[in-house]
Protein backbone atom coordinates (compact mmCIF):
# COMPACT_ATOMS: atom_id res chain seq x y z
CA MET A 1 29.70 44.03 -8.36
CA LEU A 2 27.67 47.42 -8.84
CA LEU A 3 27.17 46.67 -12.34
CA GLU A 4 26.76 42.93 -12.22
CA VAL A 5 23.82 43.60 -9.67
CA PHE A 6 22.30 46.33 -12.27
CA LEU A 7 22.74 43.47 -15.18
CA VAL A 8 21.36 40.89 -13.28
CA LEU A 9 18.26 43.10 -12.23
CA GLY A 10 17.94 43.96 -15.78
CA THR A 11 18.07 40.54 -16.90
CA VAL A 12 15.32 39.36 -14.29
CA ILE A 13 13.24 42.06 -15.27
CA ILE A 14 13.26 41.44 -18.90
CA TYR A 15 12.73 37.54 -18.29
CA PHE A 16 9.74 38.13 -16.44
CA LEU A 17 8.28 40.59 -19.07
CA LEU A 18 8.88 38.07 -21.63
CA SER A 19 7.69 34.73 -19.38
CA LYS A 20 4.09 34.01 -20.07
CA LYS A 21 2.47 30.77 -18.11
CA LYS A 22 0.56 28.68 -19.89
CA GLU A 23 -2.34 27.43 -17.97
CA GLU A 24 -2.35 24.24 -20.02
CA THR A 25 -2.69 20.53 -18.71
CA LEU A 26 -0.89 17.28 -19.91
CA PRO A 27 -3.03 15.00 -22.17
CA PHE A 28 -3.91 11.87 -20.84
CA LYS A 29 -2.21 8.73 -22.51
CA ASP A 30 -4.21 6.15 -23.48
CA GLY A 31 -2.05 3.44 -24.46
CA TRP A 32 -1.74 -0.23 -25.00
CA TRP A 33 1.06 -2.27 -23.44
CA GLY A 34 -0.08 -5.77 -23.80
CA LYS A 35 1.29 -8.17 -25.74
CA GLY A 36 0.50 -8.41 -29.56
CA GLN A 37 -2.37 -6.23 -30.67
CA LYS A 38 -5.31 -4.70 -28.70
CA PRO A 39 -8.05 -6.88 -28.45
CA ASP A 40 -11.70 -5.39 -29.63
CA THR A 41 -13.35 -7.24 -26.37
CA GLU A 42 -13.49 -5.11 -22.98
CA GLU A 43 -10.71 -5.15 -20.93
CA ASP A 44 -11.27 -6.82 -17.66
CA THR A 45 -12.08 -4.70 -15.13
CA THR A 46 -11.81 -7.08 -12.30
CA ILE A 47 -9.40 -6.27 -9.34
CA ARG A 48 -7.79 -9.35 -7.89
CA PRO A 49 -6.56 -10.37 -4.10
CA PHE A 50 -2.92 -10.52 -4.23
CA LYS A 51 -0.13 -12.43 -2.31
CA VAL A 52 3.53 -12.48 -2.57
CA GLU A 53 4.32 -16.11 -2.70
CA THR A 54 7.49 -18.05 -3.58
CA THR A 55 8.29 -22.01 -4.59
CA GLU A 56 10.96 -23.87 -2.78
CA GLU A 57 12.50 -24.24 -6.63
CA GLU A 58 13.07 -20.75 -6.74
CA LEU A 59 14.25 -20.89 -3.81
CA SER A 60 16.65 -23.61 -4.27
CA ASP A 61 17.59 -22.14 -7.50
CA LEU A 62 18.76 -19.08 -5.71
CA PHE A 63 21.34 -20.57 -2.93
CA ARG A 64 22.62 -22.35 -5.34
CA ARG A 65 23.63 -19.06 -7.20
CA LEU A 66 24.46 -17.57 -4.22
CA ASP A 67 27.05 -20.93 -3.26
CA GLN A 68 28.61 -20.29 -6.70
CA ALA A 69 29.01 -16.81 -6.34
CA ARG A 70 32.71 -15.25 -7.64
CA PHE A 71 33.82 -12.16 -6.09
CA THR A 72 36.48 -9.77 -7.15
CA GLU A 73 39.34 -8.36 -4.44
CA PRO A 74 38.65 -5.09 -3.07
CA LEU A 75 41.57 -2.30 -3.19
CA GLU A 76 43.12 -1.77 0.02
CA ASN A 77 41.16 1.53 1.76
CA SER A 78 38.94 1.68 -0.68
CA PHE A 79 35.65 1.40 1.28
CA PHE A 80 32.85 2.38 -0.94
CA HIS A 81 34.35 4.72 -3.44
CA TYR A 82 34.45 1.82 -6.11
CA GLY A 83 30.96 0.94 -5.63
CA THR A 84 30.32 -1.84 -3.37
CA ASN A 85 32.88 -3.05 -1.51
CA SER A 86 33.16 -7.00 -2.18
CA ALA A 87 34.82 -7.73 1.66
CA TYR A 88 31.31 -5.89 2.74
CA LEU A 89 29.33 -7.88 -0.08
CA ARG A 90 30.97 -11.62 1.11
CA LYS A 91 29.07 -10.56 4.54
CA VAL A 92 25.79 -9.80 3.17
CA VAL A 93 26.14 -13.00 0.74
CA SER A 94 26.87 -14.62 3.65
CA TYR A 95 23.78 -13.42 6.16
CA TRP A 96 21.32 -14.25 2.76
CA LYS A 97 22.54 -17.58 2.62
CA ASN A 98 22.61 -18.43 6.45
CA GLN A 99 20.02 -15.79 8.44
CA PHE A 100 18.05 -13.99 6.31
CA ASN A 101 14.42 -15.49 6.62
CA TRP A 102 12.61 -14.79 3.27
CA LYS A 103 9.71 -16.45 4.11
CA LYS A 104 9.30 -14.44 7.42
CA GLN A 105 9.76 -11.53 5.26
CA VAL A 106 6.66 -12.89 2.68
CA GLU A 107 4.61 -12.82 5.65
CA VAL A 108 5.51 -8.85 6.36
CA LEU A 109 5.03 -8.21 2.40
CA ASN A 110 1.46 -9.90 2.95
CA LYS A 111 0.59 -8.11 6.34
CA TYR A 112 -0.89 -5.30 4.05
CA PRO A 113 -3.79 -6.37 1.63
CA GLN A 114 -2.51 -6.36 -1.99
CA PHE A 115 -4.61 -6.42 -5.33
CA LYS A 116 -3.52 -6.83 -9.10
CA THR A 117 -5.82 -5.02 -11.61
CA LYS A 118 -5.33 -4.70 -15.82
CA ILE A 119 -5.21 -1.32 -16.82
CA GLN A 120 -3.86 -0.60 -20.58
CA GLY A 121 -2.98 -3.92 -20.91
CA ILE A 122 -1.11 -4.94 -18.08
CA ASP A 123 -1.50 -6.25 -14.66
CA ILE A 124 -0.79 -3.29 -12.04
CA HIS A 125 -0.10 -4.20 -8.91
CA PHE A 126 -0.82 -2.27 -5.38
CA VAL A 127 -1.21 -2.34 -1.88
CA HIS A 128 -4.19 -0.94 -0.22
CA VAL A 129 -4.21 -0.33 3.24
CA LYS A 130 -7.55 1.39 5.06
CA PRO A 131 -7.40 3.02 8.02
CA PRO A 132 -7.77 0.26 11.10
CA HIS A 133 -10.38 3.21 12.83
CA LEU A 134 -12.02 6.19 11.93
CA PRO A 135 -12.94 8.89 14.45
CA GLU A 136 -16.54 9.78 14.85
CA GLY A 137 -17.33 12.06 11.44
CA GLN A 138 -14.33 11.63 10.20
CA SER A 139 -13.64 10.04 6.26
CA ALA A 140 -9.31 8.67 5.59
CA LYS A 141 -8.22 10.83 2.49
CA PRO A 142 -7.12 8.74 -0.11
CA LEU A 143 -3.20 9.27 -0.80
CA LEU A 144 -1.31 7.56 -3.58
CA MET A 145 2.06 6.90 -2.83
CA VAL A 146 4.64 6.15 -5.57
CA HIS A 147 8.17 4.69 -5.05
CA GLY A 148 11.54 4.99 -7.58
CA TRP A 149 14.47 3.22 -8.55
CA PRO A 150 15.61 0.78 -6.98
CA GLY A 151 13.05 0.86 -4.63
CA SER A 152 9.78 -0.69 -4.18
CA PHE A 153 6.51 -0.68 -2.80
CA TYR A 154 7.95 -2.11 0.29
CA GLU A 155 9.82 1.36 0.86
CA PHE A 156 6.35 2.64 2.26
CA TYR A 157 5.96 0.05 4.77
CA LYS A 158 6.80 1.70 7.81
CA ILE A 159 5.20 4.84 7.18
CA ILE A 160 1.72 3.07 6.41
CA PRO A 161 0.90 2.86 9.46
CA LEU A 162 1.57 6.22 10.42
CA LEU A 163 -0.58 7.73 7.70
CA THR A 164 -3.40 4.88 8.55
CA ASP A 165 -3.47 5.21 12.20
CA PRO A 166 -1.71 8.63 13.41
CA ALA A 167 -2.82 9.20 16.48
CA SER A 168 -1.51 5.30 17.82
CA HIS A 169 2.30 6.57 16.46
CA GLY A 170 1.84 9.73 18.50
CA LEU A 171 0.68 12.12 15.77
CA SER A 172 -2.41 14.05 14.90
CA ASP A 173 -5.69 12.61 13.65
CA GLU A 174 -6.63 15.28 12.27
CA HIS A 175 -5.69 13.68 9.22
CA ILE A 176 -6.35 10.26 8.47
CA PHE A 177 -5.35 8.23 4.96
CA GLU A 178 -6.52 5.45 3.12
CA VAL A 179 -2.69 4.17 1.18
CA ILE A 180 -2.31 3.20 -2.02
CA CYS A 181 1.32 2.24 -3.15
CA PRO A 182 1.14 0.67 -6.55
CA SER A 183 4.29 -0.74 -8.15
CA ILE A 184 5.43 0.99 -11.17
CA PRO A 185 4.93 -1.52 -14.60
CA GLY A 186 7.99 -3.26 -15.16
CA TYR A 187 8.88 -2.76 -11.27
CA GLY A 188 8.10 -5.46 -8.39
CA PHE A 189 4.67 -7.16 -9.24
CA SER A 190 3.64 -5.13 -11.65
CA GLU A 191 3.86 -6.46 -15.10
CA ALA A 192 6.45 -5.12 -17.53
CA PRO A 193 5.46 -3.15 -20.70
CA HIS A 194 5.66 -5.75 -23.76
CA LYS A 195 6.11 -2.52 -26.17
CA LYS A 196 8.77 0.50 -26.46
CA GLY A 197 7.80 4.26 -25.43
CA PHE A 198 6.14 3.54 -21.65
CA ASN A 199 7.42 6.59 -19.58
CA SER A 200 6.39 8.42 -16.91
CA VAL A 201 3.20 10.05 -18.76
CA SER A 202 2.24 6.75 -19.31
CA ALA A 203 2.26 5.35 -15.85
CA ALA A 204 1.01 8.83 -14.18
CA SER A 205 -2.05 7.86 -16.76
CA ILE A 206 -2.39 4.09 -15.36
CA PHE A 207 -1.96 5.28 -12.08
CA TYR A 208 -4.93 8.19 -12.41
CA GLU A 209 -7.65 4.99 -14.45
CA LEU A 210 -5.91 3.11 -11.23
CA MET A 211 -7.38 5.83 -8.61
CA LEU A 212 -10.82 6.52 -10.85
CA LYS A 213 -11.22 2.94 -10.72
CA LEU A 214 -10.58 2.35 -6.99
CA GLY A 215 -13.84 5.15 -6.43
CA PHE A 216 -11.31 8.22 -5.85
CA ASN A 217 -12.50 11.15 -7.66
CA GLU A 218 -10.12 13.57 -5.54
CA PHE A 219 -6.81 12.61 -3.94
CA TYR A 220 -3.47 13.41 -2.89
CA ALA A 221 -0.14 12.27 -3.97
CA GLN A 222 3.32 11.54 -3.09
CA GLY A 223 6.64 10.87 -4.48
CA GLY A 224 10.35 10.80 -4.94
CA ASP A 225 12.78 9.91 -7.09
CA TRP A 226 10.62 8.34 -10.29
CA GLY A 227 7.95 8.60 -8.25
CA TRP A 228 8.36 12.79 -8.05
CA LEU A 229 8.00 12.77 -11.94
CA ILE A 230 5.03 10.46 -12.18
CA CYS A 231 3.12 12.53 -9.27
CA THR A 232 4.10 15.38 -11.08
CA ASN A 233 2.68 14.18 -14.45
CA LEU A 234 -0.55 13.25 -12.53
CA ALA A 235 -1.00 16.34 -11.48
CA GLN A 236 -0.49 18.11 -15.21
CA ILE A 237 -3.03 15.32 -16.38
CA ALA A 238 -5.66 15.64 -13.91
CA PRO A 239 -5.13 19.14 -12.12
CA ASN A 240 -8.91 19.32 -11.20
CA HIS A 241 -8.74 15.33 -9.11
CA MET A 242 -5.45 16.04 -7.23
CA LYS A 243 -6.16 17.91 -4.11
CA GLY A 244 -2.48 18.14 -3.32
CA LEU A 245 1.33 17.27 -4.21
CA HIS A 246 4.13 16.15 -1.84
CA LEU A 247 7.61 15.54 -2.69
CA ASN A 248 10.57 14.58 -0.96
CA LEU A 249 12.32 15.17 -4.23
CA ALA A 250 11.71 18.20 -6.89
CA SER A 251 13.94 18.59 -9.32
CA VAL A 252 14.11 21.07 -12.38
CA THR A 253 14.58 19.61 -15.62
CA ASN A 254 14.14 23.09 -17.78
CA MET A 255 16.92 25.31 -16.73
CA GLY A 256 16.20 28.86 -17.85
CA PHE A 257 18.57 31.96 -17.97
CA ILE A 258 18.00 32.79 -14.72
CA HIS A 259 18.72 29.28 -13.07
CA LEU A 260 22.12 29.48 -14.78
CA VAL A 261 22.74 33.14 -13.48
CA SER A 262 21.85 31.92 -9.98
CA ILE A 263 24.35 29.34 -10.03
CA LEU A 264 27.21 31.89 -10.96
CA LEU A 265 26.45 34.58 -8.26
CA GLY A 266 23.65 32.94 -5.80
CA ARG A 267 26.32 32.14 -3.46
CA TYR A 268 27.43 35.91 -3.44
CA LEU A 269 24.20 37.76 -3.68
CA PRO A 270 21.58 34.87 -2.41
CA GLY A 271 18.88 36.87 -1.53
CA LEU A 272 18.50 38.08 -5.13
CA PHE A 273 17.93 34.80 -6.24
CA GLY A 274 15.77 33.94 -3.09
CA PHE A 275 17.98 31.48 -1.89
CA GLN A 276 18.03 31.03 1.74
CA ASP A 277 21.26 30.42 4.19
CA GLU A 278 20.80 26.58 4.10
CA ASP A 279 20.36 27.12 0.04
CA VAL A 280 23.58 28.24 0.20
CA ARG A 281 25.15 25.83 2.39
CA ARG A 282 23.84 22.65 0.21
CA MET A 283 24.24 24.03 -3.14
CA PHE A 284 27.98 25.91 -3.07
CA PRO A 285 30.54 25.62 -4.29
CA PHE A 286 28.28 24.55 -7.00
CA LEU A 287 31.19 22.80 -8.68
CA LYS A 288 31.58 20.41 -5.77
CA LYS A 289 28.19 20.01 -4.70
CA GLY A 290 26.50 20.11 -7.97
CA LEU A 291 28.55 19.44 -11.40
CA TYR A 292 30.68 17.31 -9.84
CA ARG A 293 28.72 15.12 -7.69
CA ILE A 294 26.16 14.53 -10.69
CA LEU A 295 29.16 13.61 -13.03
CA LEU A 296 30.57 10.86 -10.33
CA GLU A 297 27.15 9.51 -9.07
CA SER A 298 25.11 9.55 -12.67
CA GLY A 299 27.07 6.96 -14.42
CA TYR A 300 24.59 4.52 -13.99
CA ALA A 301 21.88 6.55 -15.21
CA HIS A 302 23.63 6.89 -18.74
CA ILE A 303 24.00 3.29 -18.94
CA GLN A 304 20.47 2.94 -18.00
CA ALA A 305 19.42 5.37 -20.51
CA THR A 306 21.18 4.22 -23.32
CA LYS A 307 21.43 0.30 -23.28
CA PRO A 308 19.52 -0.76 -20.47
CA ASP A 309 19.41 -4.68 -21.36
CA THR A 310 23.05 -5.09 -21.68
CA VAL A 311 23.71 -4.62 -17.68
CA GLY A 312 20.32 -5.86 -17.10
CA CYS A 313 20.99 -9.21 -17.97
CA GLY A 314 23.72 -9.69 -16.66
CA LEU A 315 22.18 -8.56 -13.34
CA ASN A 316 18.97 -11.13 -14.02
CA ASP A 317 21.32 -13.81 -13.77
CA SER A 318 23.42 -12.93 -10.62
CA PRO A 319 21.79 -12.69 -7.46
CA VAL A 320 25.02 -10.87 -5.83
CA GLY A 321 25.46 -8.86 -8.81
CA LEU A 322 21.78 -7.45 -8.33
CA ALA A 323 22.73 -6.85 -4.54
CA ALA A 324 26.05 -5.17 -5.63
CA TYR A 325 24.40 -2.91 -8.22
CA ILE A 326 21.58 -1.88 -5.56
CA LEU A 327 22.71 -1.61 -2.19
CA GLU A 328 25.70 0.79 -3.54
CA LYS A 329 22.37 2.96 -4.30
CA PHE A 330 21.04 2.87 -1.14
CA SER A 331 24.62 3.30 0.39
CA THR A 332 25.49 6.66 -1.60
CA TRP A 333 22.06 8.66 -2.08
CA THR A 334 21.59 8.31 1.78
CA ASP A 335 24.62 9.83 2.57
CA LEU A 336 27.42 10.44 0.12
CA GLU A 337 30.19 10.58 3.12
CA PHE A 338 28.90 6.75 3.32
CA ARG A 339 31.65 6.03 0.79
CA ASN A 340 34.21 6.45 3.28
CA LEU A 341 32.68 3.58 5.47
CA GLU A 342 33.75 -0.41 5.69
CA ASP A 343 30.07 -0.94 5.40
CA GLY A 344 28.92 2.13 3.04
CA GLY A 345 26.87 2.82 5.97
CA LEU A 346 24.04 0.29 5.05
CA GLU A 347 23.95 -0.98 8.99
CA SER A 348 26.34 1.28 11.48
CA VAL A 349 24.49 4.29 9.76
CA GLN A 350 26.89 7.12 11.20
CA GLN A 351 24.40 10.05 10.20
CA LYS A 352 25.56 13.66 10.34
CA SER A 353 23.47 15.99 12.59
CA GLU A 354 22.44 18.65 10.02
CA MET A 355 19.83 20.91 11.58
CA LYS A 356 18.44 21.06 14.82
CA SER A 357 15.61 18.54 15.39
CA PRO A 358 13.09 18.08 17.59
CA LEU A 359 14.08 14.34 17.54
CA LYS A 360 16.46 13.25 20.15
CA ILE A 361 19.16 10.36 18.80
CA ALA A 362 21.61 9.47 20.75
CA GLU A 363 25.21 10.41 20.20
CA VAL A 364 27.85 7.62 20.11
CA PRO A 365 31.82 8.02 18.39
CA GLY A 366 32.50 7.86 15.56
CA ARG A 367 34.84 6.33 13.40
CA ASN A 368 36.57 5.33 9.49
CA GLY A 369 37.27 9.16 9.48
CA MET A 370 33.66 10.31 10.17
CA LYS A 371 33.95 11.61 14.19
CA GLY A 372 31.26 13.68 15.80
CA HIS A 373 28.41 11.99 13.79
CA VAL A 374 25.33 10.94 15.11
CA MET A 375 24.76 7.30 15.51
CA LYS A 376 21.16 6.28 14.09
CA ARG A 377 20.37 2.81 12.39
CA LYS A 378 18.79 3.57 8.76
CA PHE A 379 18.33 0.01 7.68
CA ASN A 380 19.18 -3.60 8.60
CA LEU A 381 19.74 -6.24 6.03
CA ASP A 382 16.29 -7.68 6.25
CA ASP A 383 15.14 -4.67 5.18
CA LEU A 384 17.60 -4.11 2.21
CA LEU A 385 17.79 -7.73 1.65
CA THR A 386 13.33 -7.82 1.28
CA ASN A 387 13.74 -5.10 -1.64
CA ILE A 388 16.40 -7.06 -3.42
CA MET A 389 14.35 -10.29 -3.10
CA ILE A 390 11.44 -8.02 -4.75
CA TYR A 391 13.88 -7.78 -7.72
CA TRP A 392 15.04 -11.31 -7.84
CA VAL A 393 12.02 -13.35 -7.53
CA SER A 394 9.94 -10.72 -9.77
CA GLY A 395 12.85 -10.86 -12.20
CA CYS A 396 12.24 -6.97 -12.76
CA ILE A 397 15.70 -5.23 -12.80
CA VAL A 398 15.91 -5.28 -16.87
CA SER A 399 12.58 -4.02 -17.37
CA SER A 400 13.07 -1.17 -14.06
CA MET A 401 16.30 -0.14 -15.36
CA ARG A 402 14.30 0.43 -19.31
CA PHE A 403 12.48 3.25 -17.69
CA TYR A 404 15.43 5.13 -18.02
CA LYS A 405 15.53 5.38 -21.18
CA GLU A 406 11.88 5.38 -21.87
CA ASN A 407 12.20 9.22 -20.21
CA LEU A 408 15.43 9.97 -21.28
CA GLN A 409 16.14 9.15 -24.77
CA GLU A 410 14.71 12.04 -26.30
CA GLY A 411 16.81 14.49 -24.34
CA ILE A 412 16.37 16.59 -20.96
CA GLY A 413 13.90 19.27 -21.60
CA THR A 414 12.82 17.92 -24.56
CA GLN A 415 9.55 16.72 -23.77
CA LYS A 416 5.81 18.73 -23.41
CA HIS A 417 5.76 18.01 -19.22
CA GLU A 418 9.01 19.49 -18.91
CA ARG A 419 7.47 22.95 -20.31
CA LEU A 420 4.38 22.67 -18.07
CA THR A 421 3.95 24.32 -14.61
CA VAL A 422 1.94 22.54 -12.09
CA GLN A 423 -1.10 24.70 -10.33
CA VAL A 424 -1.57 21.99 -7.97
CA PRO A 425 -0.98 22.80 -3.80
CA THR A 426 1.97 21.40 -3.72
CA GLY A 427 4.16 20.41 -0.40
CA ILE A 428 7.94 19.82 -0.49
CA ALA A 429 10.21 18.36 1.99
CA SER A 430 13.99 18.81 0.92
CA PHE A 431 15.95 16.30 2.62
CA PRO A 432 19.71 17.21 3.03
CA ASN A 433 21.66 14.44 1.86
CA GLU A 434 19.88 13.92 -1.39
CA VAL A 435 22.30 13.81 -3.92
CA MET A 436 20.89 17.32 -5.91
CA HIS A 437 19.52 19.96 -3.49
CA THR A 438 16.92 22.24 -5.51
CA PRO A 439 15.78 25.23 -4.03
CA GLN A 440 12.37 26.63 -3.61
CA ALA A 441 13.53 29.39 -5.58
CA TRP A 442 13.93 26.95 -8.31
CA ALA A 443 10.88 24.70 -7.60
CA GLN A 444 8.57 27.31 -7.69
CA LYS A 445 9.12 28.13 -11.38
CA LYS A 446 7.37 24.63 -12.06
CA TYR A 447 5.69 24.25 -9.12
CA THR A 448 3.74 27.84 -9.09
CA ASN A 449 1.74 26.84 -6.03
CA ILE A 450 4.02 25.90 -3.45
CA VAL A 451 2.37 26.13 0.10
CA SER A 452 5.15 24.04 2.13
CA PHE A 453 8.70 24.11 1.81
CA HIS A 454 10.71 22.49 4.44
CA PHE A 455 14.68 21.64 5.09
CA MET A 456 14.58 18.57 7.07
CA PRO A 457 17.16 18.01 9.60
CA ARG A 458 18.71 15.12 8.31
CA GLY A 459 17.70 12.15 5.87
CA GLY A 460 18.35 11.45 2.30
CA HIS A 461 17.05 10.00 -0.94
CA PHE A 462 14.59 7.53 0.51
CA ALA A 463 13.05 9.11 2.62
CA ALA A 464 9.90 7.08 3.30
CA LEU A 465 12.19 3.73 4.71
CA GLU A 466 14.98 6.18 6.15
CA GLU A 467 12.75 8.77 8.16
CA PRO A 468 9.58 8.04 8.02
CA GLU A 469 8.63 9.67 11.32
CA LEU A 470 9.78 12.78 9.93
CA LEU A 471 8.29 12.52 6.03
CA ALA A 472 5.10 11.43 7.68
CA GLU A 473 4.73 14.43 9.91
CA ASP A 474 5.43 16.62 7.01
CA ILE A 475 2.55 15.35 4.79
CA LEU A 476 0.27 15.76 7.53
CA GLN A 477 0.89 19.55 8.26
CA PHE A 478 0.89 19.94 4.25
CA VAL A 479 -2.35 18.47 4.15
CA GLY A 480 -3.39 20.44 6.84
CA LYS A 481 -2.68 23.72 5.46
CA VAL A 482 -4.76 22.35 1.95
CA GLU A 483 -7.52 21.05 4.05
CA LYS A 484 -8.07 24.47 6.17
CA GLU A 485 -7.68 26.71 3.32
CA GLN A 486 -9.57 24.45 0.81
CA LEU A 487 -6.40 25.66 -1.40
CA TRP A 488 -7.23 22.86 -3.97
CA ARG A 489 -10.34 24.55 -4.87
CA LYS A 490 -8.06 27.75 -5.67
CA LYS A 491 -6.03 26.27 -8.53
CA GLY A 492 -4.86 28.67 -10.94
CA ASP A 493 -6.68 31.73 -9.22
């Protein structure tokens, strides 16, 4: 063991001596994603009000398809281990047809101001919420929040009031935000690109243009899932305009030799690699919690990164198929243990008490092999079906899936943004039920200016929808640190 320690120490020293950090920005991607050739005329810069609307014909067509659904009998005692359990899916479809009130949910969607504007040839949809009131002498801080797949702008509806009016929700009003939640092009009500090659850098460039168009020369950004990568790219494109970057997922795609060594020895020598006890608990044994978990849960990504249209065409034609595909992600990515529940944890969520938390939630008896869990409803069917309906009425499932191919078809670790670091002050909220855990020791190789890294007491992949209070608190404390020390002015020092 002593020889191994010296070998690892020697490797670490050589690695840092040979490594040279390049403070380089990512080029802005000025593309044209509209139909046909780019016109010679100037692009329309108008910002137009938008409201979600559906016709009776669209709803009649939906109900006809729901009525004609053909279900498959699930295997006995399979729960969600084979994907969405069709016995539970029948209940969802019954609720969808007989109880779900889409018109009421449209009113919910339209309670926040929404807009569209043309950027690089396509219509960009976004929600823009200003604070209802500001204390005297205080100004709102612009915050760009970006969703991922299979989510939508609706994920942020529970956290928006906590950020725009924190005092009314028991939070500190030292920092109040003006929140902008765009739909990624090809998602929701943003127009899909009409040409190949639209990736995360393209999306980041468009959102940078959007923020400038709205008059924000300096702003904060927050994201998870694809929002993590888009906001990271935006920090690389415009580091002098982004005051701070907050993430609830921070994946490392460019793995180096030290990362690999830490996988082998980090469980036994955590301190040597900068791992904390919670890192070790979440990561090891790595074969089970890392490699096997990725293989088990990434099949969808391989399909979407290679032939997205094949599966997508079927999902775009069947609302029941679409629901099954999306609901499975909201189950498993919220907590892998929910595969052991009849409803996939989508309604009667039984959440493990991962760490001590100041928030109190009532304990109730567990079931289906999950005894001792803490009961806390994460979602309700109205929330889940509203997100599914956004995909259905906009017909965006195929274009949303194509985003995987555009980002992954050249391979992982091959793109310039993966090799560049992020100098912008960064805050990371690490939720315990995220599919893969990234320790701070790994993240700081990419994000060189981490000012806040917290192990969150509970929650999974859809943080803003699952745990809006926890995420809001973490954003507020992160921005407090950045503002107090004016850290955005010290980038690259």
